[in-house]
Amino acid sequence: GKERELVAAITSAGGTTNYADAVKGRFTISRDNAKKTGYLQM
């Protein structure tokens, strides 16, 4: 019943992240460019 919302984002080199207020302090976004994989730890 809701629209899609941004939860977390990370820049290409992983240097900057941002989070929706609802998940700050609980979720962590990360990436491993060598593995071509992104992660969201909740």
PDB file of all heavy atoms in Angstrom:
ATOM      1  N   GLY A   1       0.773  -1.223   0.000  1.00  0.00           N
ATOM      2  CA  GLY A   1       0.000   0.000   0.000  1.00  0.00           C
ATOM      3  C   GLY A   1       0.806   1.276   0.000  1.00  0.00           C
ATOM      4  O   GLY A   1       0.224   2.360   0.097  1.00  0.00           O
ATOM      5  N   LYS A   2       2.128   1.170  -0.099  1.00  0.00           N
ATOM      6  CA  LYS A   2       2.978   2.342  -0.074  1.00  0.00           C
ATOM      7  C   LYS A   2       3.848   2.415  -1.325  1.00  0.00           C
ATOM      8  O   LYS A   2       4.034   1.423  -2.024  1.00  0.00           O
ATOM      9  CB  LYS A   2       3.870   2.335   1.172  1.00  0.00           C
ATOM     10  CG  LYS A   2       3.122   2.421   2.484  1.00  0.00           C
ATOM     11  CD  LYS A   2       4.079   2.503   3.659  1.00  0.00           C
ATOM     12  CE  LYS A   2       3.345   2.640   4.969  1.00  0.00           C
ATOM     13  NZ  LYS A   2       4.293   2.727   6.118  1.00  0.00           N
ATOM     14  N   GLU A   3       4.376   3.606  -1.575  1.00  0.00           N
ATOM     15  CA  GLU A   3       5.287   3.798  -2.685  1.00  0.00           C
ATOM     16  C   GLU A   3       6.694   3.371  -2.295  1.00  0.00           C
ATOM     17  O   GLU A   3       7.048   3.308  -1.115  1.00  0.00           O
ATOM     18  CB  GLU A   3       5.284   5.257  -3.131  1.00  0.00           C
ATOM     19  CG  GLU A   3       3.950   5.741  -3.686  1.00  0.00           C
ATOM     20  CD  GLU A   3       3.535   4.977  -4.921  1.00  0.00           C
ATOM     21  OE1 GLU A   3       4.382   4.762  -5.813  1.00  0.00           O
ATOM     22  OE2 GLU A   3       2.354   4.591  -5.004  1.00  0.00           O
ATOM     23  N   ARG A   4       7.495   3.089  -3.295  1.00  0.00           N
ATOM     24  CA  ARG A   4       8.874   2.715  -3.055  1.00  0.00           C
ATOM     25  C   ARG A   4       9.643   3.887  -2.453  1.00  0.00           C
ATOM     26  O   ARG A   4       9.489   5.034  -2.886  1.00  0.00           O
ATOM     27  CB  ARG A   4       9.522   2.263  -4.357  1.00  0.00           C
ATOM     28  CG  ARG A   4      10.892   1.624  -4.184  1.00  0.00           C
ATOM     29  CD  ARG A   4      11.406   1.085  -5.505  1.00  0.00           C
ATOM     30  NE  ARG A   4      10.532   0.049  -6.041  1.00  0.00           N
ATOM     31  CZ  ARG A   4      10.802  -0.663  -7.130  1.00  0.00           C
ATOM     32  NH1 ARG A   4      11.919  -0.455  -7.808  1.00  0.00           N
ATOM     33  NH2 ARG A   4       9.937  -1.573  -7.548  1.00  0.00           N
ATOM     34  N   GLU A   5      10.474   3.616  -1.454  1.00  0.00           N
ATOM     35  CA  GLU A   5      11.258   4.651  -0.808  1.00  0.00           C
ATOM     36  C   GLU A   5      12.723   4.252  -0.733  1.00  0.00           C
ATOM     37  O   GLU A   5      13.062   3.070  -0.643  1.00  0.00           O
ATOM     38  CB  GLU A   5      10.729   4.929   0.609  1.00  0.00           C
ATOM     39  CG  GLU A   5      10.856   3.748   1.558  1.00  0.00           C
ATOM     40  CD  GLU A   5      10.443   4.069   2.985  1.00  0.00           C
ATOM     41  OE1 GLU A   5      10.388   5.263   3.347  1.00  0.00           O
ATOM     42  OE2 GLU A   5      10.161   3.120   3.748  1.00  0.00           O
ATOM     43  N   LEU A   6      13.580   5.250  -0.758  1.00  0.00           N
ATOM     44  CA  LEU A   6      15.008   5.019  -0.601  1.00  0.00           C
ATOM     45  C   LEU A   6      15.317   4.739   0.858  1.00  0.00           C
ATOM     46  O   LEU A   6      14.918   5.493   1.742  1.00  0.00           O
ATOM     47  CB  LEU A   6      15.796   6.225  -1.090  1.00  0.00           C
ATOM     48  CG  LEU A   6      17.318   6.146  -0.930  1.00  0.00           C
ATOM     49  CD1 LEU A   6      17.899   5.067  -1.831  1.00  0.00           C
ATOM     50  CD2 LEU A   6      17.955   7.497  -1.234  1.00  0.00           C
ATOM     51  N   VAL A   7      16.046   3.665   1.110  1.00  0.00           N
ATOM     52  CA  VAL A   7      16.437   3.280   2.458  1.00  0.00           C
ATOM     53  C   VAL A   7      17.864   3.708   2.763  1.00  0.00           C
ATOM     54  O   VAL A   7      18.151   4.253   3.829  1.00  0.00           O
ATOM     55  CB  VAL A   7      16.279   1.758   2.642  1.00  0.00           C
ATOM     56  CG1 VAL A   7      16.837   1.308   3.990  1.00  0.00           C
ATOM     57  CG2 VAL A   7      14.812   1.365   2.519  1.00  0.00           C
ATOM     58  N   ALA A   8      18.773   3.440   1.841  1.00  0.00           N
ATOM     59  CA  ALA A   8      20.182   3.737   2.048  1.00  0.00           C
ATOM     60  C   ALA A   8      20.876   3.862   0.708  1.00  0.00           C
ATOM     61  O   ALA A   8      20.448   3.259  -0.282  1.00  0.00           O
ATOM     62  CB  ALA A   8      20.853   2.650   2.891  1.00  0.00           C
ATOM     63  N   ALA A   9      21.950   4.628   0.675  1.00  0.00           N
ATOM     64  CA  ALA A   9      22.724   4.803  -0.544  1.00  0.00           C
ATOM     65  C   ALA A   9      24.195   4.890  -0.197  1.00  0.00           C
ATOM     66  O   ALA A   9      24.568   5.297   0.906  1.00  0.00           O
ATOM     67  CB  ALA A   9      22.281   6.062  -1.294  1.00  0.00           C
ATOM     68  N   ILE A  10      25.025   4.519  -1.155  1.00  0.00           N
ATOM     69  CA  ILE A  10      26.465   4.551  -0.967  1.00  0.00           C
ATOM     70  C   ILE A  10      27.113   4.978  -2.272  1.00  0.00           C
ATOM     71  O   ILE A  10      26.708   4.552  -3.352  1.00  0.00           O
ATOM     72  CB  ILE A  10      26.996   3.178  -0.478  1.00  0.00           C
ATOM     73  CG1 ILE A  10      28.484   3.248  -0.131  1.00  0.00           C
ATOM     74  CG2 ILE A  10      26.719   2.090  -1.512  1.00  0.00           C
ATOM     75  CD1 ILE A  10      28.971   2.011   0.631  1.00  0.00           C
ATOM     76  N   THR A  11      28.116   5.830  -2.191  1.00  0.00           N
ATOM     77  CA  THR A  11      28.787   6.311  -3.383  1.00  0.00           C
ATOM     78  C   THR A  11      29.677   5.230  -3.974  1.00  0.00           C
ATOM     79  O   THR A  11      29.958   4.201  -3.354  1.00  0.00           O
ATOM     80  CB  THR A  11      29.603   7.571  -3.083  1.00  0.00           C
ATOM     81  OG1 THR A  11      30.435   7.342  -1.941  1.00  0.00           O
ATOM     82  CG2 THR A  11      28.686   8.755  -2.805  1.00  0.00           C
ATOM     83  N   SER A  12      30.143   5.480  -5.186  1.00  0.00           N
ATOM     84  CA  SER A  12      30.795   4.435  -5.966  1.00  0.00           C
ATOM     85  C   SER A  12      32.019   3.831  -5.293  1.00  0.00           C
ATOM     86  O   SER A  12      32.264   2.624  -5.409  1.00  0.00           O
ATOM     87  CB  SER A  12      31.166   4.973  -7.353  1.00  0.00           C
ATOM     88  OG  SER A  12      32.013   6.108  -7.246  1.00  0.00           O
ATOM     89  N   ALA A  13      32.789   4.666  -4.606  1.00  0.00           N
ATOM     90  CA  ALA A  13      33.985   4.190  -3.927  1.00  0.00           C
ATOM     91  C   ALA A  13      33.714   3.812  -2.475  1.00  0.00           C
ATOM     92  O   ALA A  13      34.632   3.387  -1.770  1.00  0.00           O
ATOM     93  CB  ALA A  13      35.090   5.234  -3.989  1.00  0.00           C
ATOM     94  N   GLY A  14      32.483   3.978  -2.036  1.00  0.00           N
ATOM     95  CA  GLY A  14      32.118   3.616  -0.678  1.00  0.00           C
ATOM     96  C   GLY A  14      32.437   4.658   0.372  1.00  0.00           C
ATOM     97  O   GLY A  14      32.304   4.373   1.568  1.00  0.00           O
ATOM     98  N   GLY A  15      32.809   5.854  -0.059  1.00  0.00           N
ATOM     99  CA  GLY A  15      33.246   6.857   0.888  1.00  0.00           C
ATOM    100  C   GLY A  15      32.143   7.616   1.589  1.00  0.00           C
ATOM    101  O   GLY A  15      32.383   8.204   2.647  1.00  0.00           O
ATOM    102  N   THR A  16      30.963   7.636   1.015  1.00  0.00           N
ATOM    103  CA  THR A  16      29.858   8.398   1.576  1.00  0.00           C
ATOM    104  C   THR A  16      28.604   7.542   1.589  1.00  0.00           C
ATOM    105  O   THR A  16      28.306   6.864   0.600  1.00  0.00           O
ATOM    106  CB  THR A  16      29.598   9.677   0.766  1.00  0.00           C
ATOM    107  OG1 THR A  16      30.784  10.472   0.743  1.00  0.00           O
ATOM    108  CG2 THR A  16      28.467  10.487   1.390  1.00  0.00           C
ATOM    109  N   THR A  17      27.886   7.581   2.694  1.00  0.00           N
ATOM    110  CA  THR A  17      26.626   6.861   2.816  1.00  0.00           C
ATOM    111  C   THR A  17      25.550   7.795   3.325  1.00  0.00           C
ATOM    112  O   THR A  17      25.838   8.813   3.964  1.00  0.00           O
ATOM    113  CB  THR A  17      26.739   5.666   3.768  1.00  0.00           C
ATOM    114  OG1 THR A  17      27.132   6.124   5.068  1.00  0.00           O
ATOM    115  CG2 THR A  17      27.768   4.656   3.266  1.00  0.00           C
ATOM    116  N   ASN A  18      24.306   7.453   3.039  1.00  0.00           N
ATOM    117  CA  ASN A  18      23.197   8.161   3.644  1.00  0.00           C
ATOM    118  C   ASN A  18      22.055   7.186   3.872  1.00  0.00           C
ATOM    119  O   ASN A  18      21.945   6.168   3.188  1.00  0.00           O
ATOM    120  CB  ASN A  18      22.757   9.377   2.820  1.00  0.00           C
ATOM    121  CG  ASN A  18      22.063   9.006   1.532  1.00  0.00           C
ATOM    122  OD1 ASN A  18      22.703   8.753   0.510  1.00  0.00           O
ATOM    123  ND2 ASN A  18      20.727   8.981   1.576  1.00  0.00           N
ATOM    124  N   TYR A  19      21.201   7.528   4.844  1.00  0.00           N
ATOM    125  CA  TYR A  19      20.144   6.635   5.275  1.00  0.00           C
ATOM    126  C   TYR A  19      18.852   7.403   5.493  1.00  0.00           C
ATOM    127  O   TYR A  19      18.868   8.570   5.885  1.00  0.00           O
ATOM    128  CB  TYR A  19      20.517   5.948   6.596  1.00  0.00           C
ATOM    129  CG  TYR A  19      21.769   5.123   6.523  1.00  0.00           C
ATOM    130  CD1 TYR A  19      23.013   5.672   6.810  1.00  0.00           C
ATOM    131  CD2 TYR A  19      21.707   3.782   6.167  1.00  0.00           C
ATOM    132  CE1 TYR A  19      24.165   4.913   6.738  1.00  0.00           C
ATOM    133  CE2 TYR A  19      22.855   3.016   6.092  1.00  0.00           C
ATOM    134  CZ  TYR A  19      24.081   3.582   6.378  1.00  0.00           C
ATOM    135  OH  TYR A  19      25.215   2.811   6.302  1.00  0.00           O
ATOM    136  N   ALA A  20      17.759   6.720   5.259  1.00  0.00           N
ATOM    137  CA  ALA A  20      16.478   7.272   5.658  1.00  0.00           C
ATOM    138  C   ALA A  20      16.422   7.378   7.179  1.00  0.00           C
ATOM    139  O   ALA A  20      16.997   6.547   7.892  1.00  0.00           O
ATOM    140  CB  ALA A  20      15.340   6.385   5.155  1.00  0.00           C
ATOM    141  N   ASP A  21      15.737   8.396   7.669  1.00  0.00           N
ATOM    142  CA  ASP A  21      15.654   8.595   9.113  1.00  0.00           C
ATOM    143  C   ASP A  21      15.121   7.360   9.839  1.00  0.00           C
ATOM    144  O   ASP A  21      15.544   7.048  10.956  1.00  0.00           O
ATOM    145  CB  ASP A  21      14.769   9.799   9.433  1.00  0.00           C
ATOM    146  CG  ASP A  21      15.429  11.117   9.098  1.00  0.00           C
ATOM    147  OD1 ASP A  21      16.662  11.150   8.922  1.00  0.00           O
ATOM    148  OD2 ASP A  21      14.702  12.125   9.023  1.00  0.00           O
ATOM    149  N   ALA A  22      14.220   6.652   9.209  1.00  0.00           N
ATOM    150  CA  ALA A  22      13.591   5.509   9.857  1.00  0.00           C
ATOM    151  C   ALA A  22      14.550   4.365  10.139  1.00  0.00           C
ATOM    152  O   ALA A  22      14.262   3.514  10.986  1.00  0.00           O
ATOM    153  CB  ALA A  22      12.425   5.004   9.004  1.00  0.00           C
ATOM    154  N   VAL A  23      15.691   4.331   9.450  1.00  0.00           N
ATOM    155  CA  VAL A  23      16.618   3.211   9.619  1.00  0.00           C
ATOM    156  C   VAL A  23      17.970   3.630  10.168  1.00  0.00           C
ATOM    157  O   VAL A  23      18.822   2.761  10.409  1.00  0.00           O
ATOM    158  CB  VAL A  23      16.810   2.438   8.300  1.00  0.00           C
ATOM    159  CG1 VAL A  23      15.462   2.024   7.721  1.00  0.00           C
ATOM    160  CG2 VAL A  23      17.606   3.253   7.294  1.00  0.00           C
ATOM    161  N   LYS A  24      18.192   4.903  10.395  1.00  0.00           N
ATOM    162  CA  LYS A  24      19.478   5.360  10.911  1.00  0.00           C
ATOM    163  C   LYS A  24      19.793   4.703  12.251  1.00  0.00           C
ATOM    164  O   LYS A  24      18.945   4.619  13.131  1.00  0.00           O
ATOM    165  CB  LYS A  24      19.479   6.879  11.067  1.00  0.00           C
ATOM    166  CG  LYS A  24      19.596   7.631   9.763  1.00  0.00           C
ATOM    167  CD  LYS A  24      19.613   9.137   9.990  1.00  0.00           C
ATOM    168  CE  LYS A  24      19.752   9.884   8.673  1.00  0.00           C
ATOM    169  NZ  LYS A  24      19.695  11.353   8.868  1.00  0.00           N
ATOM    170  N   GLY A  25      21.015   4.245  12.375  1.00  0.00           N
ATOM    171  CA  GLY A  25      21.443   3.572  13.584  1.00  0.00           C
ATOM    172  C   GLY A  25      21.136   2.099  13.615  1.00  0.00           C
ATOM    173  O   GLY A  25      21.627   1.392  14.505  1.00  0.00           O
ATOM    174  N   ARG A  26      20.344   1.627  12.678  1.00  0.00           N
ATOM    175  CA  ARG A  26      19.971   0.215  12.643  1.00  0.00           C
ATOM    176  C   ARG A  26      20.485  -0.499  11.395  1.00  0.00           C
ATOM    177  O   ARG A  26      20.824  -1.679  11.462  1.00  0.00           O
ATOM    178  CB  ARG A  26      18.450   0.049  12.713  1.00  0.00           C
ATOM    179  CG  ARG A  26      17.829   0.603  13.987  1.00  0.00           C
ATOM    180  CD  ARG A  26      16.358   0.216  14.106  1.00  0.00           C
ATOM    181  NE  ARG A  26      15.552   0.789  13.025  1.00  0.00           N
ATOM    182  CZ  ARG A  26      14.839   0.067  12.158  1.00  0.00           C
ATOM    183  NH1 ARG A  26      14.840  -1.258  12.231  1.00  0.00           N
ATOM    184  NH2 ARG A  26      14.119   0.672  11.223  1.00  0.00           N
ATOM    185  N   PHE A  27      20.520   0.206  10.263  1.00  0.00           N
ATOM    186  CA  PHE A  27      20.942  -0.388   8.998  1.00  0.00           C
ATOM    187  C   PHE A  27      22.311   0.151   8.606  1.00  0.00           C
ATOM    188  O   PHE A  27      22.644   1.311   8.877  1.00  0.00           O
ATOM    189  CB  PHE A  27      19.961  -0.050   7.877  1.00  0.00           C
ATOM    190  CG  PHE A  27      18.608  -0.710   7.971  1.00  0.00           C
ATOM    191  CD1 PHE A  27      18.196  -1.378   9.111  1.00  0.00           C
ATOM    192  CD2 PHE A  27      17.743  -0.643   6.888  1.00  0.00           C
ATOM    193  CE1 PHE A  27      16.947  -1.976   9.188  1.00  0.00           C
ATOM    194  CE2 PHE A  27      16.495  -1.238   6.949  1.00  0.00           C
ATOM    195  CZ  PHE A  27      16.091  -1.902   8.092  1.00  0.00           C
ATOM    196  N   THR A  28      23.094  -0.675   7.932  1.00  0.00           N
ATOM    197  CA  THR A  28      24.390  -0.268   7.412  1.00  0.00           C
ATOM    198  C   THR A  28      24.530  -0.737   5.974  1.00  0.00           C
ATOM    199  O   THR A  28      24.391  -1.928   5.689  1.00  0.00           O
ATOM    200  CB  THR A  28      25.537  -0.849   8.248  1.00  0.00           C
ATOM    201  OG1 THR A  28      25.409  -0.438   9.612  1.00  0.00           O
ATOM    202  CG2 THR A  28      26.885  -0.359   7.710  1.00  0.00           C
ATOM    203  N   ILE A  29      24.815   0.193   5.085  1.00  0.00           N
ATOM    204  CA  ILE A  29      25.049  -0.147   3.692  1.00  0.00           C
ATOM    205  C   ILE A  29      26.548  -0.233   3.444  1.00  0.00           C
ATOM    206  O   ILE A  29      27.326   0.547   3.997  1.00  0.00           O
ATOM    207  CB  ILE A  29      24.387   0.877   2.743  1.00  0.00           C
ATOM    208  CG1 ILE A  29      24.474   0.414   1.284  1.00  0.00           C
ATOM    209  CG2 ILE A  29      24.982   2.270   2.918  1.00  0.00           C
ATOM    210  CD1 ILE A  29      23.645   1.263   0.325  1.00  0.00           C
ATOM    211  N   SER A  30      26.960  -1.183   2.634  1.00  0.00           N
ATOM    212  CA  SER A  30      28.365  -1.341   2.303  1.00  0.00           C
ATOM    213  C   SER A  30      28.486  -1.962   0.916  1.00  0.00           C
ATOM    214  O   SER A  30      27.490  -2.371   0.320  1.00  0.00           O
ATOM    215  CB  SER A  30      29.092  -2.196   3.348  1.00  0.00           C
ATOM    216  OG  SER A  30      28.544  -3.504   3.403  1.00  0.00           O
ATOM    217  N   ARG A  31      29.700  -2.022   0.419  1.00  0.00           N
ATOM    218  CA  ARG A  31      29.910  -2.633  -0.889  1.00  0.00           C
ATOM    219  C   ARG A  31      31.310  -3.196  -0.983  1.00  0.00           C
ATOM    220  O   ARG A  31      32.228  -2.749  -0.287  1.00  0.00           O
ATOM    221  CB  ARG A  31      29.668  -1.609  -2.007  1.00  0.00           C
ATOM    222  CG  ARG A  31      30.648  -0.449  -2.011  1.00  0.00           C
ATOM    223  CD  ARG A  31      30.196   0.652  -2.971  1.00  0.00           C
ATOM    224  NE  ARG A  31      30.212   0.202  -4.349  1.00  0.00           N
ATOM    225  CZ  ARG A  31      29.581   0.813  -5.347  1.00  0.00           C
ATOM    226  NH1 ARG A  31      28.870   1.917  -5.105  1.00  0.00           N
ATOM    227  NH2 ARG A  31      29.655   0.333  -6.576  1.00  0.00           N
ATOM    228  N   ASP A  32      31.468  -4.168  -1.858  1.00  0.00           N
ATOM    229  CA  ASP A  32      32.764  -4.753  -2.162  1.00  0.00           C
ATOM    230  C   ASP A  32      32.899  -4.696  -3.674  1.00  0.00           C
ATOM    231  O   ASP A  32      32.335  -5.523  -4.393  1.00  0.00           O
ATOM    232  CB  ASP A  32      32.850  -6.184  -1.649  1.00  0.00           C
ATOM    233  CG  ASP A  32      34.229  -6.793  -1.810  1.00  0.00           C
ATOM    234  OD1 ASP A  32      34.956  -6.404  -2.744  1.00  0.00           O
ATOM    235  OD2 ASP A  32      34.588  -7.670  -1.006  1.00  0.00           O
ATOM    236  N   ASN A  33      33.613  -3.711  -4.159  1.00  0.00           N
ATOM    237  CA  ASN A  33      33.688  -3.511  -5.601  1.00  0.00           C
ATOM    238  C   ASN A  33      34.406  -4.654  -6.311  1.00  0.00           C
ATOM    239  O   ASN A  33      34.081  -4.986  -7.450  1.00  0.00           O
ATOM    240  CB  ASN A  33      34.352  -2.174  -5.914  1.00  0.00           C
ATOM    241  CG  ASN A  33      33.428  -1.000  -5.663  1.00  0.00           C
ATOM    242  OD1 ASN A  33      32.207  -1.164  -5.583  1.00  0.00           O
ATOM    243  ND2 ASN A  33      34.006   0.193  -5.537  1.00  0.00           N
ATOM    244  N   ALA A  34      35.380  -5.257  -5.660  1.00  0.00           N
ATOM    245  CA  ALA A  34      36.080  -6.382  -6.267  1.00  0.00           C
ATOM    246  C   ALA A  34      35.142  -7.562  -6.489  1.00  0.00           C
ATOM    247  O   ALA A  34      35.290  -8.311  -7.454  1.00  0.00           O
ATOM    248  CB  ALA A  34      37.265  -6.796  -5.410  1.00  0.00           C
ATOM    249  N   LYS A  35      34.176  -7.734  -5.586  1.00  0.00           N
ATOM    250  CA  LYS A  35      33.193  -8.803  -5.710  1.00  0.00           C
ATOM    251  C   LYS A  35      31.949  -8.368  -6.466  1.00  0.00           C
ATOM    252  O   LYS A  35      31.046  -9.179  -6.691  1.00  0.00           O
ATOM    253  CB  LYS A  35      32.796  -9.321  -4.331  1.00  0.00           C
ATOM    254  CG  LYS A  35      33.918  -9.994  -3.568  1.00  0.00           C
ATOM    255  CD  LYS A  35      33.424 -10.500  -2.224  1.00  0.00           C
ATOM    256  CE  LYS A  35      34.527 -11.211  -1.476  1.00  0.00           C
ATOM    257  NZ  LYS A  35      34.061 -11.701  -0.147  1.00  0.00           N
ATOM    258  N   LYS A  36      31.871  -7.096  -6.822  1.00  0.00           N
ATOM    259  CA  LYS A  36      30.716  -6.532  -7.518  1.00  0.00           C
ATOM    260  C   LYS A  36      29.435  -6.812  -6.751  1.00  0.00           C
ATOM    261  O   LYS A  36      28.420  -7.244  -7.309  1.00  0.00           O
ATOM    262  CB  LYS A  36      30.636  -7.057  -8.952  1.00  0.00           C
ATOM    263  CG  LYS A  36      31.839  -6.682  -9.805  1.00  0.00           C
ATOM    264  CD  LYS A  36      31.660  -7.072 -11.263  1.00  0.00           C
ATOM    265  CE  LYS A  36      31.645  -8.578 -11.431  1.00  0.00           C
ATOM    266  NZ  LYS A  36      31.568  -8.963 -12.874  1.00  0.00           N
ATOM    267  N   THR A  37      29.487  -6.566  -5.465  1.00  0.00           N
ATOM    268  CA  THR A  37      28.370  -6.869  -4.583  1.00  0.00           C
ATOM    269  C   THR A  37      28.128  -5.740  -3.591  1.00  0.00           C
ATOM    270  O   THR A  37      29.075  -5.185  -3.038  1.00  0.00           O
ATOM    271  CB  THR A  37      28.625  -8.172  -3.813  1.00  0.00           C
ATOM    272  OG1 THR A  37      28.850  -9.241  -4.743  1.00  0.00           O
ATOM    273  CG2 THR A  37      27.435  -8.528  -2.940  1.00  0.00           C
ATOM    274  N   GLY A  38      26.864  -5.420  -3.388  1.00  0.00           N
ATOM    275  CA  GLY A  38      26.460  -4.485  -2.363  1.00  0.00           C
ATOM    276  C   GLY A  38      25.741  -5.214  -1.250  1.00  0.00           C
ATOM    277  O   GLY A  38      25.199  -6.308  -1.457  1.00  0.00           O
ATOM    278  N   TYR A  39      25.723  -4.609  -0.064  1.00  0.00           N
ATOM    279  CA  TYR A  39      25.139  -5.248   1.106  1.00  0.00           C
ATOM    280  C   TYR A  39      24.292  -4.257   1.889  1.00  0.00           C
ATOM    281  O   TYR A  39      24.542  -3.050   1.880  1.00  0.00           O
ATOM    282  CB  TYR A  39      26.229  -5.778   2.043  1.00  0.00           C
ATOM    283  CG  TYR A  39      27.210  -6.707   1.388  1.00  0.00           C
ATOM    284  CD1 TYR A  39      28.416  -6.231   0.883  1.00  0.00           C
ATOM    285  CD2 TYR A  39      26.932  -8.065   1.270  1.00  0.00           C
ATOM    286  CE1 TYR A  39      29.324  -7.082   0.276  1.00  0.00           C
ATOM    287  CE2 TYR A  39      27.834  -8.924   0.663  1.00  0.00           C
ATOM    288  CZ  TYR A  39      29.027  -8.428   0.172  1.00  0.00           C
ATOM    289  OH  TYR A  39      29.922  -9.279  -0.431  1.00  0.00           O
ATOM    290  N   LEU A  40      23.313  -4.790   2.573  1.00  0.00           N
ATOM    291  CA  LEU A  40      22.552  -4.019   3.539  1.00  0.00           C
ATOM    292  C   LEU A  40      22.420  -4.865   4.797  1.00  0.00           C
ATOM    293  O   LEU A  40      21.708  -5.874   4.794  1.00  0.00           O
ATOM    294  CB  LEU A  40      21.171  -3.639   3.008  1.00  0.00           C
ATOM    295  CG  LEU A  40      20.343  -2.740   3.930  1.00  0.00           C
ATOM    296  CD1 LEU A  40      20.981  -1.350   4.026  1.00  0.00           C
ATOM    297  CD2 LEU A  40      18.903  -2.630   3.441  1.00  0.00           C
ATOM    298  N   GLN A  41      23.118  -4.461   5.851  1.00  0.00           N
ATOM    299  CA  GLN A  41      23.009  -5.129   7.138  1.00  0.00           C
ATOM    300  C   GLN A  41      21.894  -4.454   7.920  1.00  0.00           C
ATOM    301  O   GLN A  41      21.955  -3.249   8.172  1.00  0.00           O
ATOM    302  CB  GLN A  41      24.321  -5.041   7.912  1.00  0.00           C
ATOM    303  CG  GLN A  41      24.272  -5.672   9.299  1.00  0.00           C
ATOM    304  CD  GLN A  41      24.080  -7.172   9.250  1.00  0.00           C
ATOM    305  OE1 GLN A  41      24.793  -7.864   8.532  1.00  0.00           O
ATOM    306  NE2 GLN A  41      23.113  -7.683  10.001  1.00  0.00           N
ATOM    307  N   MET A  42      20.889  -5.215   8.294  1.00  0.00           N
ATOM    308  CA  MET A  42      19.738  -4.700   9.010  1.00  0.00           C
ATOM    309  C   MET A  42      19.716  -5.307  10.408  1.00  0.00           C
ATOM    310  O   MET A  42      19.709  -6.526  10.557  1.00  0.00           O
ATOM    311  CB  MET A  42      18.445  -5.025   8.264  1.00  0.00           C
ATOM    312  CG  MET A  42      18.427  -4.520   6.825  1.00  0.00           C
ATOM    313  SD  MET A  42      16.848  -4.835   5.989  1.00  0.00           S
ATOM    314  CE  MET A  42      16.921  -6.621   5.871  1.00  0.00           C
TER     315      MET A  42
END
